[in-house]
Each structure stands twice: as C-alpha cells, then as structure tokens.
C-alpha atoms as a PDB file:
ATOM      1  CA  MET A   1     -20.902 -32.191  -6.663  1.00  0.00           C
ATOM      2  CA  ASP A   2     -17.127 -32.645  -6.714  1.00  0.00           C
ATOM      3  CA  LEU A   3     -14.843 -30.451  -4.623  1.00  0.00           C
ATOM      4  CA  VAL A   4     -13.463 -28.403  -7.530  1.00  0.00           C
ATOM      5  CA  THR A   5     -16.998 -27.522  -8.613  1.00  0.00           C
ATOM      6  CA  GLN A   6     -17.999 -26.638  -5.063  1.00  0.00           C
ATOM      7  CA  ILE A   7     -15.088 -24.232  -4.743  1.00  0.00           C
ATOM      8  CA  SER A   8     -15.771 -22.765  -8.191  1.00  0.00           C
ATOM      9  CA  LYS A   9     -19.265 -21.834  -7.018  1.00  0.00           C
ATOM     10  CA  CYS A  10     -18.135 -20.358  -3.674  1.00  0.00           C
ATOM     11  CA  ARG A  11     -19.350 -16.787  -3.066  1.00  0.00           C
ATOM     12  CA  ILE A  12     -18.716 -16.366   0.676  1.00  0.00           C
ATOM     13  CA  CYS A  13     -16.536 -13.297   0.062  1.00  0.00           C
ATOM     14  CA  ALA A  14     -18.912 -11.476  -2.294  1.00  0.00           C
ATOM     15  CA  ASP A  15     -19.737  -8.689   0.183  1.00  0.00           C
ATOM     16  CA  ARG A  16     -16.070  -8.348   1.184  1.00  0.00           C
ATOM     17  CA  PHE A  17     -14.908  -7.970  -2.427  1.00  0.00           C
ATOM     18  CA  ALA A  18     -17.671  -5.499  -3.265  1.00  0.00           C
ATOM     19  CA  LYS A  19     -16.164  -3.130  -0.665  1.00  0.00           C
ATOM     20  CA  THR A  20     -12.646  -3.204  -2.154  1.00  0.00           C
ATOM     21  CA  ALA A  21     -11.248  -0.616  -4.565  1.00  0.00           C
ATOM     22  CA  THR A  22     -11.741  -3.100  -7.409  1.00  0.00           C
ATOM     23  CA  GLN A  23     -15.341  -3.926  -6.419  1.00  0.00           C
ATOM     24  CA  HIS A  24     -14.976  -7.246  -8.185  1.00  0.00           C
ATOM     25  CA  ARG A  25     -17.042 -10.397  -7.931  1.00  0.00           C
ATOM     26  CA  PRO A  26     -15.592 -13.657  -6.596  1.00  0.00           C
ATOM     27  CA  ARG A  27     -13.976 -15.908  -9.159  1.00  0.00           C
ATOM     28  CA  PRO A  28     -12.354 -18.868  -7.425  1.00  0.00           C
ATOM     29  CA  VAL A  29      -9.510 -20.497  -9.350  1.00  0.00           C
ATOM     30  CA  PRO A  30      -9.285 -24.118  -8.106  1.00  0.00           C
ATOM     31  CA  TRP A  31      -6.600 -26.109  -9.900  1.00  0.00           C
ATOM     32  CA  PHE A  32      -5.955 -29.465  -8.260  1.00  0.00           C
ATOM     33  CA  GLN A  33      -6.728 -33.158  -8.329  1.00  0.00           C
ATOM     34  CA  ALA A  34      -6.124 -36.218  -6.191  1.00  0.00           C
ATOM     35  CA  GLY A  35      -2.752 -37.918  -6.339  1.00  0.00           C
ATOM     36  CA  THR A  36      -0.812 -35.064  -7.909  1.00  0.00           C
ATOM     37  CA  PRO A  37       2.949 -35.423  -7.296  1.00  0.00           C
ATOM     38  CA  ILE A  38       3.684 -31.677  -7.072  1.00  0.00           C
ATOM     39  CA  MET A  39       1.818 -29.100  -4.973  1.00  0.00           C
ATOM     40  CA  VAL A  40       2.370 -25.387  -5.451  1.00  0.00           C
ATOM     41  CA  ALA A  41       1.027 -23.687  -2.317  1.00  0.00           C
ATOM     42  CA  GLY A  42       0.879 -19.985  -3.086  1.00  0.00           C
ATOM     43  CA  GLN A  43      -0.893 -16.945  -1.681  1.00  0.00           C
ATOM     44  CA  ALA A  44      -3.822 -15.734  -3.801  1.00  0.00           C
ATOM     45  CA  PRO A  45      -4.577 -14.991  -7.456  1.00  0.00           C
ATOM     46  CA  GLY A  46      -3.680 -11.585  -8.806  1.00  0.00           C
ATOM     47  CA  MET A  47      -5.740  -9.539 -11.221  1.00  0.00           C
ATOM     48  CA  ARG A  48      -4.413 -11.290 -14.349  1.00  0.00           C
ATOM     49  CA  VAL A  49      -5.153 -14.707 -12.889  1.00  0.00           C
ATOM     50  CA  HIS A  50      -8.600 -13.472 -11.828  1.00  0.00           C
ATOM     51  CA  LYS A  51      -9.349 -12.464 -15.427  1.00  0.00           C
ATOM     52  CA  ALA A  52      -7.851 -15.580 -17.008  1.00  0.00           C
ATOM     53  CA  GLY A  53      -9.136 -18.158 -14.525  1.00  0.00           C
ATOM     54  CA  LYS A  54      -5.751 -19.891 -14.660  1.00  0.00           C
ATOM     55  CA  PRO A  55      -3.218 -19.922 -11.785  1.00  0.00           C
ATOM     56  CA  PHE A  56       0.160 -18.207 -12.186  1.00  0.00           C
ATOM     57  CA  PHE A  57      -0.897 -16.962 -15.620  1.00  0.00           C
ATOM     58  CA  ASP A  58       1.438 -13.977 -15.375  1.00  0.00           C
ATOM     59  CA  ARG A  59       5.112 -13.011 -15.179  1.00  0.00           C
ATOM     60  CA  SER A  60       5.347 -14.458 -11.690  1.00  0.00           C
ATOM     61  CA  GLY A  61       4.237 -17.766 -13.166  1.00  0.00           C
ATOM     62  CA  ASP A  62       6.914 -17.558 -15.852  1.00  0.00           C
ATOM     63  CA  ARG A  63       9.579 -17.132 -13.188  1.00  0.00           C
ATOM     64  CA  LEU A  64       8.137 -19.907 -11.025  1.00  0.00           C
ATOM     65  CA  ARG A  65       8.120 -22.332 -13.955  1.00  0.00           C
ATOM     66  CA  ASP A  66      11.743 -21.398 -14.634  1.00  0.00           C
ATOM     67  CA  TRP A  67      12.650 -22.097 -11.012  1.00  0.00           C
ATOM     68  CA  MET A  68      10.917 -25.463 -11.258  1.00  0.00           C
ATOM     69  CA  GLY A  69      12.425 -26.301 -14.640  1.00  0.00           C
ATOM     70  CA  VAL A  70       9.055 -27.173 -16.179  1.00  0.00           C
ATOM     71  CA  THR A  71       7.267 -26.173 -19.342  1.00  0.00           C
ATOM     72  CA  SER A  72       3.915 -24.412 -19.367  1.00  0.00           C
ATOM     73  CA  ASP A  73       2.271 -27.645 -20.556  1.00  0.00           C
ATOM     74  CA  GLN A  74       3.767 -29.563 -17.644  1.00  0.00           C
ATOM     75  CA  PHE A  75       2.785 -26.901 -15.114  1.00  0.00           C
ATOM     76  CA  TYR A  76      -0.836 -26.856 -16.286  1.00  0.00           C
ATOM     77  CA  ASP A  77      -1.111 -30.644 -16.369  1.00  0.00           C
ATOM     78  CA  ARG A  78      -3.149 -31.326 -13.246  1.00  0.00           C
ATOM     79  CA  GLY A  79      -1.856 -34.870 -13.288  1.00  0.00           C
ATOM     80  CA  LEU A  80       1.525 -33.371 -12.419  1.00  0.00           C
ATOM     81  CA  VAL A  81       0.928 -30.076 -10.617  1.00  0.00           C
ATOM     82  CA  SER A  82      -1.826 -28.919  -8.281  1.00  0.00           C
ATOM     83  CA  VAL A  83      -1.980 -25.272  -7.235  1.00  0.00           C
ATOM     84  CA  LEU A  84      -3.314 -24.576  -3.767  1.00  0.00           C
ATOM     85  CA  PRO A  85      -3.411 -20.852  -2.953  1.00  0.00           C
ATOM     86  CA  THR A  86      -4.075 -19.576   0.540  1.00  0.00           C
ATOM     87  CA  ALA A  87      -7.233 -18.044  -0.938  1.00  0.00           C
ATOM     88  CA  PHE A  88      -8.809 -19.173  -4.192  1.00  0.00           C
ATOM     89  CA  CYS A  89     -10.016 -15.703  -5.245  1.00  0.00           C
ATOM     90  CA  PHE A  90      -8.273 -12.440  -6.059  1.00  0.00           C
ATOM     91  CA  PRO A  91      -8.622 -10.458  -2.789  1.00  0.00           C
ATOM     92  CA  GLY A  92      -8.664  -7.066  -4.541  1.00  0.00           C
ATOM     93  CA  TYR A  93      -6.865  -3.786  -3.885  1.00  0.00           C
ATOM     94  CA  ASN A  94      -7.197  -1.261  -1.100  1.00  0.00           C
ATOM     95  CA  THR A  95      -7.699   2.465  -1.724  1.00  0.00           C
ATOM     96  CA  LYS A  96      -3.948   2.852  -2.372  1.00  0.00           C
ATOM     97  CA  LEU A  97      -4.128   0.074  -4.995  1.00  0.00           C
ATOM     98  CA  ALA A  98      -2.036  -2.250  -2.868  1.00  0.00           C
ATOM     99  CA  ASP A  99      -2.871  -5.958  -2.741  1.00  0.00           C
ATOM    100  CA  LEU A 100      -5.192  -6.960   0.070  1.00  0.00           C
ATOM    101  CA  PRO A 101      -4.252 -10.067   2.093  1.00  0.00           C
ATOM    102  CA  PRO A 102      -5.948 -13.407   1.362  1.00  0.00           C
ATOM    103  CA  PRO A 103      -9.140 -13.671   3.457  1.00  0.00           C
ATOM    104  CA  ARG A 104      -8.716 -16.203   6.268  1.00  0.00           C
ATOM    105  CA  ILE A 105     -12.248 -17.502   5.730  1.00  0.00           C
ATOM    106  CA  CYS A 106     -11.209 -19.158   2.473  1.00  0.00           C
ATOM    107  CA  TRP A 107      -8.502 -21.190   4.182  1.00  0.00           C
ATOM    108  CA  ASP A 108     -10.808 -22.114   7.059  1.00  0.00           C
ATOM    109  CA  THR A 109     -13.583 -23.207   4.690  1.00  0.00           C
ATOM    110  CA  TRP A 110     -11.723 -25.220   2.069  1.00  0.00           C
ATOM    111  CA  HIS A 111      -8.127 -26.139   2.739  1.00  0.00           C
ATOM    112  CA  GLU A 112      -8.544 -29.079   5.079  1.00  0.00           C
ATOM    113  CA  GLN A 113     -10.856 -30.688   2.520  1.00  0.00           C
ATOM    114  CA  VAL A 114      -8.531 -29.965  -0.396  1.00  0.00           C
ATOM    115  CA  LEU A 115      -5.434 -31.295   1.352  1.00  0.00           C
ATOM    116  CA  ALA A 116      -7.285 -34.481   2.323  1.00  0.00           C
ATOM    117  CA  HIS A 117      -8.533 -34.878  -1.252  1.00  0.00           C
ATOM    118  CA  MET A 118      -5.108 -34.368  -2.814  1.00  0.00           C
ATOM    119  CA  GLY A 119      -3.183 -36.685  -0.533  1.00  0.00           C
ATOM    120  CA  ARG A 120       0.481 -36.185   0.256  1.00  0.00           C
ATOM    121  CA  PRO A 121       2.467 -34.848  -2.719  1.00  0.00           C
ATOM    122  CA  GLN A 122       6.076 -35.807  -3.383  1.00  0.00           C
ATOM    123  CA  ILE A 123       7.078 -32.151  -3.806  1.00  0.00           C
ATOM    124  CA  SER A 124       5.572 -29.196  -1.931  1.00  0.00           C
ATOM    125  CA  LEU A 125       6.445 -25.621  -2.851  1.00  0.00           C
ATOM    126  CA  ILE A 126       5.393 -23.184  -0.120  1.00  0.00           C
ATOM    127  CA  ILE A 127       5.500 -19.725  -1.673  1.00  0.00           C
ATOM    128  CA  GLY A 128       5.314 -16.350   0.040  1.00  0.00           C
ATOM    129  CA  LYS A 129       4.639 -15.070   3.553  1.00  0.00           C
ATOM    130  CA  TYR A 130       0.969 -16.006   3.891  1.00  0.00           C
ATOM    131  CA  ALA A 131       1.460 -19.552   2.619  1.00  0.00           C
ATOM    132  CA  ILE A 132       4.499 -20.041   4.839  1.00  0.00           C
ATOM    133  CA  GLU A 133       2.537 -18.926   7.902  1.00  0.00           C
ATOM    134  CA  ARG A 134      -0.518 -21.070   7.117  1.00  0.00           C
ATOM    135  CA  HIS A 135       1.182 -24.275   6.003  1.00  0.00           C
ATOM    136  CA  LEU A 136       4.235 -24.260   8.252  1.00  0.00           C
ATOM    137  CA  GLY A 137       3.314 -21.896  11.083  1.00  0.00           C
ATOM    138  CA  LEU A 138       6.541 -19.964  10.507  1.00  0.00           C
ATOM    139  CA  ARG A 139       6.863 -16.224  11.056  1.00  0.00           C
ATOM    140  CA  GLY A 140       9.930 -14.060  10.848  1.00  0.00           C
ATOM    141  CA  ALA A 141      12.379 -12.795   8.284  1.00  0.00           C
ATOM    142  CA  LEU A 142      11.725 -14.367   4.884  1.00  0.00           C
ATOM    143  CA  THR A 143      15.447 -14.553   4.113  1.00  0.00           C
ATOM    144  CA  ASP A 144      16.139 -16.596   7.231  1.00  0.00           C
ATOM    145  CA  ILE A 145      13.223 -18.948   6.573  1.00  0.00           C
ATOM    146  CA  VAL A 146      14.164 -19.589   2.936  1.00  0.00           C
ATOM    147  CA  ALA A 147      17.877 -19.879   3.745  1.00  0.00           C
ATOM    148  CA  ASP A 148      17.059 -22.733   6.124  1.00  0.00           C
ATOM    149  CA  TRP A 149      15.918 -24.861   3.182  1.00  0.00           C
ATOM    150  CA  ARG A 150      18.315 -27.747   3.783  1.00  0.00           C
ATOM    151  CA  THR A 151      16.647 -28.530   7.125  1.00  0.00           C
ATOM    152  CA  ARG A 152      13.190 -29.044   5.597  1.00  0.00           C
ATOM    153  CA  PRO A 153      11.720 -32.523   5.147  1.00  0.00           C
ATOM    154  CA  PRO A 154      12.560 -34.117   1.782  1.00  0.00           C
ATOM    155  CA  GLY A 155      10.552 -32.576  -1.035  1.00  0.00           C
ATOM    156  CA  VAL A 156       9.525 -29.428   0.872  1.00  0.00           C
ATOM    157  CA  PHE A 157      10.779 -26.141  -0.577  1.00  0.00           C
ATOM    158  CA  VAL A 158      10.006 -22.749   0.959  1.00  0.00           C
ATOM    159  CA  LEU A 159      10.302 -20.004  -1.656  1.00  0.00           C
ATOM    160  CA  PRO A 160       9.942 -16.241  -1.901  1.00  0.00           C
ATOM    161  CA  HIS A 161       7.129 -15.078  -4.122  1.00  0.00           C
ATOM    162  CA  PRO A 162       8.321 -15.125  -7.756  1.00  0.00           C
ATOM    163  CA  SER A 163       7.001 -11.600  -8.278  1.00  0.00           C
ATOM    164  CA  TRP A 164       9.294  -9.224 -10.132  1.00  0.00           C
ATOM    165  CA  ARG A 165       9.002  -7.012  -7.061  1.00  0.00           C
ATOM    166  CA  ASN A 166      11.466  -9.433  -5.467  1.00  0.00           C
ATOM    167  CA  ASN A 167      14.247  -8.749  -7.996  1.00  0.00           C
ATOM    168  CA  GLY A 168      16.164  -6.855  -5.315  1.00  0.00           C
ATOM    169  CA  TRP A 169      15.876  -9.767  -2.881  1.00  0.00           C
ATOM    170  CA  LEU A 170      17.189 -12.167  -5.518  1.00  0.00           C
ATOM    171  CA  ARG A 171      20.170  -9.913  -6.257  1.00  0.00           C
ATOM    172  CA  LYS A 172      21.012  -9.737  -2.544  1.00  0.00           C
ATOM    173  CA  ASN A 173      20.659 -13.507  -2.112  1.00  0.00           C
ATOM    174  CA  PRO A 174      22.413 -15.167  -5.077  1.00  0.00           C
ATOM    175  CA  TRP A 175      22.599 -18.466  -3.173  1.00  0.00           C
ATOM    176  CA  PHE A 176      18.897 -18.915  -3.867  1.00  0.00           C
ATOM    177  CA  GLU A 177      19.377 -19.367  -7.616  1.00  0.00           C
ATOM    178  CA  THR A 178      22.796 -21.020  -7.427  1.00  0.00           C
ATOM    179  CA  HIS A 179      21.988 -23.596  -4.739  1.00  0.00           C
ATOM    180  CA  LEU A 180      18.283 -23.910  -3.913  1.00  0.00           C
ATOM    181  CA  VAL A 181      16.878 -23.659  -7.446  1.00  0.00           C
ATOM    182  CA  PRO A 182      19.053 -26.486  -8.859  1.00  0.00           C
ATOM    183  CA  ALA A 183      17.976 -28.729  -5.964  1.00  0.00           C
ATOM    184  CA  LEU A 184      14.347 -27.848  -6.636  1.00  0.00           C
ATOM    185  CA  ARG A 185      14.663 -28.606 -10.341  1.00  0.00           C
ATOM    186  CA  LYS A 186      16.309 -31.944  -9.587  1.00  0.00           C
ATOM    187  CA  ASP A 187      13.487 -33.029  -7.275  1.00  0.00           C
ATOM    188  CA  VAL A 188      10.768 -31.786  -9.636  1.00  0.00           C
ATOM    189  CA  LYS A 189      12.343 -33.647 -12.542  1.00  0.00           C
ATOM    190  CA  ALA A 190      12.479 -36.833 -10.459  1.00  0.00           C
ATOM    191  CA  ALA A 191       8.813 -36.490  -9.466  1.00  0.00           C
ATOM    192  CA  ILE A 192       7.798 -36.041 -13.098  1.00  0.00           C
ATOM    193  CA  ALA A 193       9.919 -39.017 -14.128  1.00  0.00           C
ATOM    194  CA  LEU A 194       8.078 -41.224 -11.650  1.00  0.00           C
ATOM    195  CA  SER A 195       4.677 -39.985 -12.834  1.00  0.00           C
ATOM    196  CA  GLN A 196       5.270 -39.656 -16.565  1.00  0.00           C
ATOM    197  CA  PRO A 197       8.555 -41.281 -17.629  1.00  0.00           C
ATOM    198  CA  ASP A 198       8.134 -40.410 -21.309  1.00  0.00           C
ATOM    199  CA  THR A 199       7.463 -36.750 -20.494  1.00  0.00           C
ATOM    200  CA  ALA A 200      10.523 -36.489 -18.252  1.00  0.00           C
ATOM    201  CA  GLU A 201      12.794 -38.101 -20.852  1.00  0.00           C
ATOM    202  CA  ASN A 202      11.680 -35.666 -23.542  1.00  0.00           C
ATOM    203  CA  ALA A 203      11.797 -32.542 -21.334  1.00  0.00           C
END
C-alpha cells in the first residue's frame, strides 16, 4: 500500500474528533508525491477542505495561489505542488466554535515518512504558527519571523496564514505584499519553468 493510501485510511484520531463540537469523522487529505518542486507546508484542513477532500479549496487557497502567482490548475498539479499540512485531517471546533489545534499525533505518525518520500523541494512555503513551530522550531511574534525572510535559506518562505482573518495584519505590514510576495512569485515561476517549461512560458 502506497503512503498516500495509508494516510487516507488513517483513523487514529477518530475518538478525539468524536468529542469535538463538530463530532466529525476523520477524513485525511493527503496531496503529495515524490520529486515535487514546490512544498506548501500548512497547518490543517478547515471545514470546506474537509468536505471537498482538496487542500486549500477555500478563500484562503485563492489568496495563497495569488501570493504564489499560480493558477488553480498549476496548484493542484501534484507534479508541481505538494501540500503537507501539520495534520492531515480537519481538527474540528471547540464549544465556542473556534478552530482546534492540529493534533500532534498526526505529525509524529506521518511527517517523517512523507518528507523522506517527497525529497527536498526547490521551494518550501511554511505557513502559519503551527507549521513554523514544527518545521523550523521557531516561536515568537509572527511579524518578526516573517519579516526576517531575507535570512532564510534559498527557496524557503515563511508566510502568515492566508486566511481573511489576517487582513488587518496585511494592512499593517504592506512590505509583505510589496517585497516578499514578488520574490516568492519569482522563485515559484523559476521552479515551474525548470519542471514544466511549456507551462511556465504560457502562464
């Protein structure tokens, strides 16, 4: 059984999810393959992604694709983009209908295997607090971490979550869209050009 299928059948959080306000069943959303040039390392699927079974299938995804400068077809081409959330399932809501954090057990069970399977991507997007902590071991003010983007290794971009809840943050930090986003788009375009020259030329 291949790794994507194994993850798709994972039910280790069934009891945990049954106790949430949503009382939902696990529905892992694995979306990756070996040798992909671009890795999007996010947090966890939301309710819309849970229902659709497709990562970033929501307004946050629209904004992320705009930041990257890619079309929907390019984003969902697993030969170009792999999506590696901190947890593969929607964690659910608490009694106040706030998002629950991604369960650590998902990361501990699957991520070492997935990262080894994928290999080293040319571009890595590390998105949101939980992903930043898990992948980079960084804690602290998000603004400071993102603002330090020029010191990252080539191809590594640390981003705020593209949720519309972060509109205020984006207004307060215009440098993100005027400086970081163009650099991200340039690197993404170059990675696509190396992988699919015809696609990049026609984008």
